[in-house]
PDB file of all heavy atoms in Angstrom:
ATOM      1  N   VAL A   1      -0.549  -1.591  12.923  1.00  0.00           N
ATOM      2  CA  VAL A   1      -1.299  -0.336  12.985  1.00  0.00           C
ATOM      3  C   VAL A   1      -0.492   0.691  13.758  1.00  0.00           C
ATOM      4  O   VAL A   1      -0.003   0.409  14.855  1.00  0.00           O
ATOM      5  CB  VAL A   1      -2.672  -0.534  13.656  1.00  0.00           C
ATOM      6  CG1 VAL A   1      -3.438   0.787  13.701  1.00  0.00           C
ATOM      7  CG2 VAL A   1      -3.487  -1.599  12.935  1.00  0.00           C
ATOM      8  N   GLN A   2      -0.340   1.892  13.191  1.00  0.00           N
ATOM      9  CA  GLN A   2       0.341   2.979  13.895  1.00  0.00           C
ATOM     10  C   GLN A   2      -0.430   4.273  13.690  1.00  0.00           C
ATOM     11  O   GLN A   2      -0.907   4.560  12.593  1.00  0.00           O
ATOM     12  CB  GLN A   2       1.779   3.142  13.402  1.00  0.00           C
ATOM     13  CG  GLN A   2       2.584   4.142  14.221  1.00  0.00           C
ATOM     14  CD  GLN A   2       4.079   4.040  13.968  1.00  0.00           C
ATOM     15  OE1 GLN A   2       4.582   2.954  13.672  1.00  0.00           O
ATOM     16  NE2 GLN A   2       4.790   5.136  14.078  1.00  0.00           N
ATOM     17  N   THR A   3      -0.562   5.048  14.768  1.00  0.00           N
ATOM     18  CA  THR A   3      -1.304   6.303  14.740  1.00  0.00           C
ATOM     19  C   THR A   3      -0.345   7.487  14.746  1.00  0.00           C
ATOM     20  O   THR A   3       0.673   7.474  15.447  1.00  0.00           O
ATOM     21  CB  THR A   3      -2.237   6.389  15.966  1.00  0.00           C
ATOM     22  OG1 THR A   3      -3.158   5.296  15.939  1.00  0.00           O
ATOM     23  CG2 THR A   3      -3.019   7.692  15.961  1.00  0.00           C
ATOM     24  N   PHE A   4      -0.681   8.511  13.956  1.00  0.00           N
ATOM     25  CA  PHE A   4       0.109   9.730  13.868  1.00  0.00           C
ATOM     26  C   PHE A   4      -0.816  10.921  14.128  1.00  0.00           C
ATOM     27  O   PHE A   4      -1.949  10.938  13.648  1.00  0.00           O
ATOM     28  CB  PHE A   4       0.739   9.873  12.479  1.00  0.00           C
ATOM     29  CG  PHE A   4       1.640   8.726  12.090  1.00  0.00           C
ATOM     30  CD1 PHE A   4       1.104   7.545  11.575  1.00  0.00           C
ATOM     31  CD2 PHE A   4       3.015   8.831  12.226  1.00  0.00           C
ATOM     32  CE1 PHE A   4       1.926   6.488  11.214  1.00  0.00           C
ATOM     33  CE2 PHE A   4       3.842   7.779  11.863  1.00  0.00           C
ATOM     34  CZ  PHE A   4       3.300   6.602  11.366  1.00  0.00           C
ATOM     35  N   SER A   5      -0.310  11.912  14.845  1.00  0.00           N
ATOM     36  CA  SER A   5      -1.130  13.084  15.149  1.00  0.00           C
ATOM     37  C   SER A   5      -1.185  14.027  13.960  1.00  0.00           C
ATOM     38  O   SER A   5      -0.156  14.351  13.358  1.00  0.00           O
ATOM     39  CB  SER A   5      -0.570  13.830  16.359  1.00  0.00           C
ATOM     40  OG  SER A   5      -1.256  15.055  16.541  1.00  0.00           O
ATOM     41  N   VAL A   6      -2.389  14.490  13.646  1.00  0.00           N
ATOM     42  CA  VAL A   6      -2.554  15.462  12.576  1.00  0.00           C
ATOM     43  C   VAL A   6      -1.964  16.816  12.961  1.00  0.00           C
ATOM     44  O   VAL A   6      -1.757  17.679  12.103  1.00  0.00           O
ATOM     45  CB  VAL A   6      -4.048  15.599  12.206  1.00  0.00           C
ATOM     46  CG1 VAL A   6      -4.803  16.379  13.272  1.00  0.00           C
ATOM     47  CG2 VAL A   6      -4.230  16.228  10.838  1.00  0.00           C
ATOM     48  N   LEU A   7      -1.670  17.013  14.247  1.00  0.00           N
ATOM     49  CA  LEU A   7      -1.066  18.261  14.701  1.00  0.00           C
ATOM     50  C   LEU A   7       0.438  18.325  14.421  1.00  0.00           C
ATOM     51  O   LEU A   7       1.052  19.373  14.565  1.00  0.00           O
ATOM     52  CB  LEU A   7      -1.303  18.446  16.200  1.00  0.00           C
ATOM     53  CG  LEU A   7      -2.745  18.689  16.633  1.00  0.00           C
ATOM     54  CD1 LEU A   7      -2.830  18.784  18.151  1.00  0.00           C
ATOM     55  CD2 LEU A   7      -3.300  19.943  15.994  1.00  0.00           C
ATOM     56  N   THR A   8       1.023  17.206  14.035  1.00  0.00           N
ATOM     57  CA  THR A   8       2.442  17.187  13.722  1.00  0.00           C
ATOM     58  C   THR A   8       2.728  18.098  12.529  1.00  0.00           C
ATOM     59  O   THR A   8       1.996  18.051  11.539  1.00  0.00           O
ATOM     60  CB  THR A   8       2.893  15.748  13.384  1.00  0.00           C
ATOM     61  OG1 THR A   8       2.526  14.874  14.452  1.00  0.00           O
ATOM     62  CG2 THR A   8       4.392  15.679  13.168  1.00  0.00           C
ATOM     63  N   PRO A   9       3.772  18.935  12.606  1.00  0.00           N
ATOM     64  CA  PRO A   9       4.126  19.743  11.437  1.00  0.00           C
ATOM     65  C   PRO A   9       4.237  18.868  10.192  1.00  0.00           C
ATOM     66  O   PRO A   9       4.740  17.744  10.259  1.00  0.00           O
ATOM     67  CB  PRO A   9       5.469  20.355  11.828  1.00  0.00           C
ATOM     68  CG  PRO A   9       5.420  20.429  13.325  1.00  0.00           C
ATOM     69  CD  PRO A   9       4.649  19.212  13.751  1.00  0.00           C
ATOM     70  N   LEU A  10       3.749  19.386   9.081  1.00  0.00           N
ATOM     71  CA  LEU A  10       3.560  18.564   7.893  1.00  0.00           C
ATOM     72  C   LEU A  10       4.829  17.844   7.450  1.00  0.00           C
ATOM     73  O   LEU A  10       4.800  16.641   7.148  1.00  0.00           O
ATOM     74  CB  LEU A  10       3.011  19.423   6.757  1.00  0.00           C
ATOM     75  CG  LEU A  10       2.616  18.662   5.488  1.00  0.00           C
ATOM     76  CD1 LEU A  10       1.516  17.656   5.796  1.00  0.00           C
ATOM     77  CD2 LEU A  10       2.168  19.640   4.417  1.00  0.00           C
ATOM     78  N   ARG A  11       5.940  18.541   7.392  1.00  0.00           N
ATOM     79  CA  ARG A  11       7.165  17.890   6.919  1.00  0.00           C
ATOM     80  C   ARG A  11       7.686  16.865   7.921  1.00  0.00           C
ATOM     81  O   ARG A  11       8.251  15.839   7.530  1.00  0.00           O
ATOM     82  CB  ARG A  11       8.228  18.945   6.588  1.00  0.00           C
ATOM     83  CG  ARG A  11       7.830  19.783   5.375  1.00  0.00           C
ATOM     84  CD  ARG A  11       8.895  20.780   4.970  1.00  0.00           C
ATOM     85  NE  ARG A  11       8.425  21.561   3.835  1.00  0.00           N
ATOM     86  CZ  ARG A  11       8.560  21.201   2.560  1.00  0.00           C
ATOM     87  NH1 ARG A  11       9.173  20.056   2.266  1.00  0.00           N
ATOM     88  NH2 ARG A  11       8.096  21.960   1.588  1.00  0.00           N
ATOM     89  N   GLU A  12       7.482  17.136   9.206  1.00  0.00           N
ATOM     90  CA  GLU A  12       7.839  16.147  10.218  1.00  0.00           C
ATOM     91  C   GLU A  12       6.952  14.915  10.102  1.00  0.00           C
ATOM     92  O   GLU A  12       7.418  13.771  10.221  1.00  0.00           O
ATOM     93  CB  GLU A  12       7.718  16.770  11.603  1.00  0.00           C
ATOM     94  CG  GLU A  12       8.110  15.850  12.739  1.00  0.00           C
ATOM     95  CD  GLU A  12       7.942  16.505  14.095  1.00  0.00           C
ATOM     96  OE1 GLU A  12       8.030  17.752  14.164  1.00  0.00           O
ATOM     97  OE2 GLU A  12       7.718  15.780  15.082  1.00  0.00           O
ATOM     98  N   LEU A  13       5.671  15.140   9.865  1.00  0.00           N
ATOM     99  CA  LEU A  13       4.752  14.028   9.643  1.00  0.00           C
ATOM    100  C   LEU A  13       5.163  13.223   8.420  1.00  0.00           C
ATOM    101  O   LEU A  13       5.142  11.982   8.448  1.00  0.00           O
ATOM    102  CB  LEU A  13       3.329  14.572   9.459  1.00  0.00           C
ATOM    103  CG  LEU A  13       2.251  13.561   9.067  1.00  0.00           C
ATOM    104  CD1 LEU A  13       2.085  12.490  10.138  1.00  0.00           C
ATOM    105  CD2 LEU A  13       0.912  14.265   8.809  1.00  0.00           C
ATOM    106  N   ALA A  14       5.545  13.917   7.354  1.00  0.00           N
ATOM    107  CA  ALA A  14       5.974  13.227   6.135  1.00  0.00           C
ATOM    108  C   ALA A  14       7.177  12.338   6.405  1.00  0.00           C
ATOM    109  O   ALA A  14       7.250  11.196   5.917  1.00  0.00           O
ATOM    110  CB  ALA A  14       6.288  14.245   5.047  1.00  0.00           C
ATOM    111  N   ARG A  15       8.120  12.837   7.187  1.00  0.00           N
ATOM    112  CA  ARG A  15       9.310  12.028   7.502  1.00  0.00           C
ATOM    113  C   ARG A  15       8.930  10.785   8.306  1.00  0.00           C
ATOM    114  O   ARG A  15       9.458   9.685   8.066  1.00  0.00           O
ATOM    115  CB  ARG A  15      10.327  12.870   8.278  1.00  0.00           C
ATOM    116  CG  ARG A  15      11.032  13.920   7.421  1.00  0.00           C
ATOM    117  CD  ARG A  15      12.244  14.483   8.148  1.00  0.00           C
ATOM    118  NE  ARG A  15      11.858  15.265   9.316  1.00  0.00           N
ATOM    119  CZ  ARG A  15      11.598  16.565   9.293  1.00  0.00           C
ATOM    120  NH1 ARG A  15      11.674  17.243   8.156  1.00  0.00           N
ATOM    121  NH2 ARG A  15      11.256  17.211  10.409  1.00  0.00           N
ATOM    122  N   ALA A  16       8.010  10.953   9.262  1.00  0.00           N
ATOM    123  CA  ALA A  16       7.581   9.808  10.076  1.00  0.00           C
ATOM    124  C   ALA A  16       6.854   8.771   9.222  1.00  0.00           C
ATOM    125  O   ALA A  16       7.069   7.559   9.377  1.00  0.00           O
ATOM    126  CB  ALA A  16       6.683  10.286  11.213  1.00  0.00           C
ATOM    127  N   LEU A  17       6.008   9.238   8.315  1.00  0.00           N
ATOM    128  CA  LEU A  17       5.311   8.307   7.434  1.00  0.00           C
ATOM    129  C   LEU A  17       6.276   7.615   6.482  1.00  0.00           C
ATOM    130  O   LEU A  17       6.131   6.420   6.178  1.00  0.00           O
ATOM    131  CB  LEU A  17       4.228   9.048   6.641  1.00  0.00           C
ATOM    132  CG  LEU A  17       3.006   9.509   7.437  1.00  0.00           C
ATOM    133  CD1 LEU A  17       2.126  10.412   6.585  1.00  0.00           C
ATOM    134  CD2 LEU A  17       2.203   8.311   7.937  1.00  0.00           C
ATOM    135  N   GLN A  18       7.254   8.363   5.999  1.00  0.00           N
ATOM    136  CA  GLN A  18       8.243   7.767   5.106  1.00  0.00           C
ATOM    137  C   GLN A  18       8.986   6.630   5.802  1.00  0.00           C
ATOM    138  O   GLN A  18       9.239   5.575   5.210  1.00  0.00           O
ATOM    139  CB  GLN A  18       9.237   8.832   4.642  1.00  0.00           C
ATOM    140  CG  GLN A  18      10.180   8.371   3.542  1.00  0.00           C
ATOM    141  CD  GLN A  18       9.451   8.141   2.241  1.00  0.00           C
ATOM    142  OE1 GLN A  18       8.901   9.057   1.654  1.00  0.00           O
ATOM    143  NE2 GLN A  18       9.416   6.890   1.790  1.00  0.00           N
ATOM    144  N   ALA A  19       9.321   6.847   7.076  1.00  0.00           N
ATOM    145  CA  ALA A  19      10.023   5.818   7.833  1.00  0.00           C
ATOM    146  C   ALA A  19       9.132   4.599   8.081  1.00  0.00           C
ATOM    147  O   ALA A  19       9.607   3.455   8.071  1.00  0.00           O
ATOM    148  CB  ALA A  19      10.512   6.394   9.160  1.00  0.00           C
ATOM    149  N   TYR A  20       7.848   4.841   8.277  1.00  0.00           N
ATOM    150  CA  TYR A  20       6.916   3.740   8.546  1.00  0.00           C
ATOM    151  C   TYR A  20       6.531   2.994   7.272  1.00  0.00           C
ATOM    152  O   TYR A  20       6.266   1.792   7.302  1.00  0.00           O
ATOM    153  CB  TYR A  20       5.669   4.304   9.235  1.00  0.00           C
ATOM    154  CG  TYR A  20       4.651   3.263   9.624  1.00  0.00           C
ATOM    155  CD1 TYR A  20       4.970   2.243  10.513  1.00  0.00           C
ATOM    156  CD2 TYR A  20       3.358   3.312   9.106  1.00  0.00           C
ATOM    157  CE1 TYR A  20       4.030   1.292  10.875  1.00  0.00           C
ATOM    158  CE2 TYR A  20       2.407   2.373   9.468  1.00  0.00           C
ATOM    159  CZ  TYR A  20       2.744   1.366  10.349  1.00  0.00           C
ATOM    160  OH  TYR A  20       1.821   0.424  10.699  1.00  0.00           O
ATOM    161  N   ALA A  21       6.481   3.699   6.146  1.00  0.00           N
ATOM    162  CA  ALA A  21       6.148   3.114   4.837  1.00  0.00           C
ATOM    163  C   ALA A  21       4.820   2.360   4.870  1.00  0.00           C
ATOM    164  O   ALA A  21       4.774   1.137   4.665  1.00  0.00           O
ATOM    165  CB  ALA A  21       7.263   2.198   4.363  1.00  0.00           C
ATOM    166  N   PRO A  22       3.706   3.064   5.108  1.00  0.00           N
ATOM    167  CA  PRO A  22       2.411   2.376   5.208  1.00  0.00           C
ATOM    168  C   PRO A  22       1.960   1.799   3.875  1.00  0.00           C
ATOM    169  O   PRO A  22       2.210   2.377   2.813  1.00  0.00           O
ATOM    170  CB  PRO A  22       1.468   3.492   5.669  1.00  0.00           C
ATOM    171  CG  PRO A  22       2.083   4.745   5.124  1.00  0.00           C
ATOM    172  CD  PRO A  22       3.561   4.529   5.234  1.00  0.00           C
ATOM    173  N   THR A  23       1.257   0.688   3.943  1.00  0.00           N
ATOM    174  CA  THR A  23       0.601   0.147   2.748  1.00  0.00           C
ATOM    175  C   THR A  23      -0.807   0.696   2.620  1.00  0.00           C
ATOM    176  O   THR A  23      -1.372   0.718   1.525  1.00  0.00           O
ATOM    177  CB  THR A  23       0.563  -1.385   2.797  1.00  0.00           C
ATOM    178  OG1 THR A  23      -0.126  -1.806   3.984  1.00  0.00           O
ATOM    179  CG2 THR A  23       1.962  -1.977   2.797  1.00  0.00           C
ATOM    180  N   VAL A  24      -1.395   1.129   3.743  1.00  0.00           N
ATOM    181  CA  VAL A  24      -2.710   1.767   3.745  1.00  0.00           C
ATOM    182  C   VAL A  24      -2.611   3.052   4.562  1.00  0.00           C
ATOM    183  O   VAL A  24      -2.235   3.018   5.734  1.00  0.00           O
ATOM    184  CB  VAL A  24      -3.801   0.854   4.334  1.00  0.00           C
ATOM    185  CG1 VAL A  24      -5.145   1.573   4.355  1.00  0.00           C
ATOM    186  CG2 VAL A  24      -3.910  -0.444   3.536  1.00  0.00           C
ATOM    187  N   LEU A  25      -2.942   4.178   3.932  1.00  0.00           N
ATOM    188  CA  LEU A  25      -2.948   5.473   4.607  1.00  0.00           C
ATOM    189  C   LEU A  25      -4.390   5.857   4.895  1.00  0.00           C
ATOM    190  O   LEU A  25      -5.223   5.881   3.992  1.00  0.00           O
ATOM    191  CB  LEU A  25      -2.287   6.534   3.724  1.00  0.00           C
ATOM    192  CG  LEU A  25      -2.342   7.991   4.225  1.00  0.00           C
ATOM    193  CD1 LEU A  25      -1.580   8.143   5.538  1.00  0.00           C
ATOM    194  CD2 LEU A  25      -1.810   8.940   3.160  1.00  0.00           C
ATOM    195  N   ILE A  26      -4.687   6.159   6.163  1.00  0.00           N
ATOM    196  CA  ILE A  26      -6.040   6.505   6.582  1.00  0.00           C
ATOM    197  C   ILE A  26      -5.994   7.904   7.191  1.00  0.00           C
ATOM    198  O   ILE A  26      -5.317   8.130   8.191  1.00  0.00           O
ATOM    199  CB  ILE A  26      -6.577   5.505   7.626  1.00  0.00           C
ATOM    200  CG1 ILE A  26      -6.367   4.057   7.161  1.00  0.00           C
ATOM    201  CG2 ILE A  26      -8.048   5.768   7.919  1.00  0.00           C
ATOM    202  CD1 ILE A  26      -6.634   3.019   8.244  1.00  0.00           C
ATOM    203  N   THR A  27      -6.724   8.842   6.596  1.00  0.00           N
ATOM    204  CA  THR A  27      -6.685  10.204   7.118  1.00  0.00           C
ATOM    205  C   THR A  27      -7.811  11.034   6.541  1.00  0.00           C
ATOM    206  O   THR A  27      -8.719  10.503   5.882  1.00  0.00           O
ATOM    207  CB  THR A  27      -5.318  10.855   6.837  1.00  0.00           C
ATOM    208  OG1 THR A  27      -5.236  12.099   7.557  1.00  0.00           O
ATOM    209  CG2 THR A  27      -5.102  11.102   5.363  1.00  0.00           C
ATOM    210  N   TYR A  28      -7.765  12.335   6.781  1.00  0.00           N
ATOM    211  CA  TYR A  28      -8.761  13.275   6.293  1.00  0.00           C
ATOM    212  C   TYR A  28      -8.351  13.779   4.907  1.00  0.00           C
ATOM    213  O   TYR A  28      -7.163  13.878   4.597  1.00  0.00           O
ATOM    214  CB  TYR A  28      -8.900  14.446   7.259  1.00  0.00           C
ATOM    215  CG  TYR A  28      -9.035  14.002   8.698  1.00  0.00           C
ATOM    216  CD1 TYR A  28      -7.938  14.032   9.557  1.00  0.00           C
ATOM    217  CD2 TYR A  28     -10.250  13.525   9.182  1.00  0.00           C
ATOM    218  CE1 TYR A  28      -8.059  13.609  10.875  1.00  0.00           C
ATOM    219  CE2 TYR A  28     -10.369  13.107  10.495  1.00  0.00           C
ATOM    220  CZ  TYR A  28      -9.273  13.141  11.340  1.00  0.00           C
ATOM    221  OH  TYR A  28      -9.394  12.713  12.635  1.00  0.00           O
ATOM    222  N   PRO A  29      -9.299  14.143   4.075  1.00  0.00           N
ATOM    223  CA  PRO A  29      -8.962  14.626   2.733  1.00  0.00           C
ATOM    224  C   PRO A  29      -7.979  15.785   2.720  1.00  0.00           C
ATOM    225  O   PRO A  29      -7.061  15.812   1.894  1.00  0.00           O
ATOM    226  CB  PRO A  29     -10.322  15.031   2.158  1.00  0.00           C
ATOM    227  CG  PRO A  29     -11.290  14.108   2.822  1.00  0.00           C
ATOM    228  CD  PRO A  29     -10.762  13.954   4.224  1.00  0.00           C
ATOM    229  N   SER A  30      -8.146  16.742   3.620  1.00  0.00           N
ATOM    230  CA  SER A  30      -7.240  17.894   3.618  1.00  0.00           C
ATOM    231  C   SER A  30      -5.812  17.476   3.937  1.00  0.00           C
ATOM    232  O   SER A  30      -4.854  17.979   3.343  1.00  0.00           O
ATOM    233  CB  SER A  30      -7.728  18.953   4.619  1.00  0.00           C
ATOM    234  OG  SER A  30      -7.811  18.416   5.922  1.00  0.00           O
ATOM    235  N   CYS A  31      -5.652  16.553   4.890  1.00  0.00           N
ATOM    236  CA  CYS A  31      -4.319  16.078   5.238  1.00  0.00           C
ATOM    237  C   CYS A  31      -3.726  15.238   4.109  1.00  0.00           C
ATOM    238  O   CYS A  31      -2.553  15.395   3.758  1.00  0.00           O
ATOM    239  CB  CYS A  31      -4.377  15.271   6.530  1.00  0.00           C
ATOM    240  SG  CYS A  31      -2.770  14.683   7.111  1.00  0.00           S
ATOM    241  N   ALA A  32      -4.534  14.350   3.535  1.00  0.00           N
ATOM    242  CA  ALA A  32      -4.052  13.521   2.432  1.00  0.00           C
ATOM    243  C   ALA A  32      -3.648  14.380   1.241  1.00  0.00           C
ATOM    244  O   ALA A  32      -2.657  14.090   0.554  1.00  0.00           O
ATOM    245  CB  ALA A  32      -5.128  12.524   2.017  1.00  0.00           C
ATOM    246  N   ALA A  33      -4.385  15.449   0.987  1.00  0.00           N
ATOM    247  CA  ALA A  33      -4.056  16.342  -0.124  1.00  0.00           C
ATOM    248  C   ALA A  33      -2.734  17.062   0.122  1.00  0.00           C
ATOM    249  O   ALA A  33      -1.927  17.240  -0.794  1.00  0.00           O
ATOM    250  CB  ALA A  33      -5.179  17.345  -0.344  1.00  0.00           C
ATOM    251  N   ALA A  34      -2.511  17.489   1.364  1.00  0.00           N
ATOM    252  CA  ALA A  34      -1.248  18.153   1.688  1.00  0.00           C
ATOM    253  C   ALA A  34      -0.075  17.192   1.523  1.00  0.00           C
ATOM    254  O   ALA A  34       0.990  17.561   1.008  1.00  0.00           O
ATOM    255  CB  ALA A  34      -1.301  18.697   3.115  1.00  0.00           C
ATOM    256  N   LEU A  35      -0.253  15.938   1.961  1.00  0.00           N
ATOM    257  CA  LEU A  35       0.791  14.932   1.779  1.00  0.00           C
ATOM    258  C   LEU A  35       0.989  14.617   0.304  1.00  0.00           C
ATOM    259  O   LEU A  35       2.122  14.396  -0.156  1.00  0.00           O
ATOM    260  CB  LEU A  35       0.424  13.662   2.545  1.00  0.00           C
ATOM    261  CG  LEU A  35       0.438  13.774   4.075  1.00  0.00           C
ATOM    262  CD1 LEU A  35      -0.183  12.531   4.702  1.00  0.00           C
ATOM    263  CD2 LEU A  35       1.861  13.978   4.592  1.00  0.00           C
ATOM    264  N   ALA A  36      -0.104  14.618  -0.447  1.00  0.00           N
ATOM    265  CA  ALA A  36      -0.011  14.355  -1.884  1.00  0.00           C
ATOM    266  C   ALA A  36       0.829  15.410  -2.589  1.00  0.00           C
ATOM    267  O   ALA A  36       1.608  15.106  -3.506  1.00  0.00           O
ATOM    268  CB  ALA A  36      -1.403  14.280  -2.496  1.00  0.00           C
TER     269      ALA A  36
END
């Protein structure tokens, strides 16, 4: 389990998630849509 701040700039957050490679992404619809 790893937690990421929603305040992280979107592209920086994307890079961190890419490095972590989650099998399950848990977040808010607006954030998930932006990542999508």
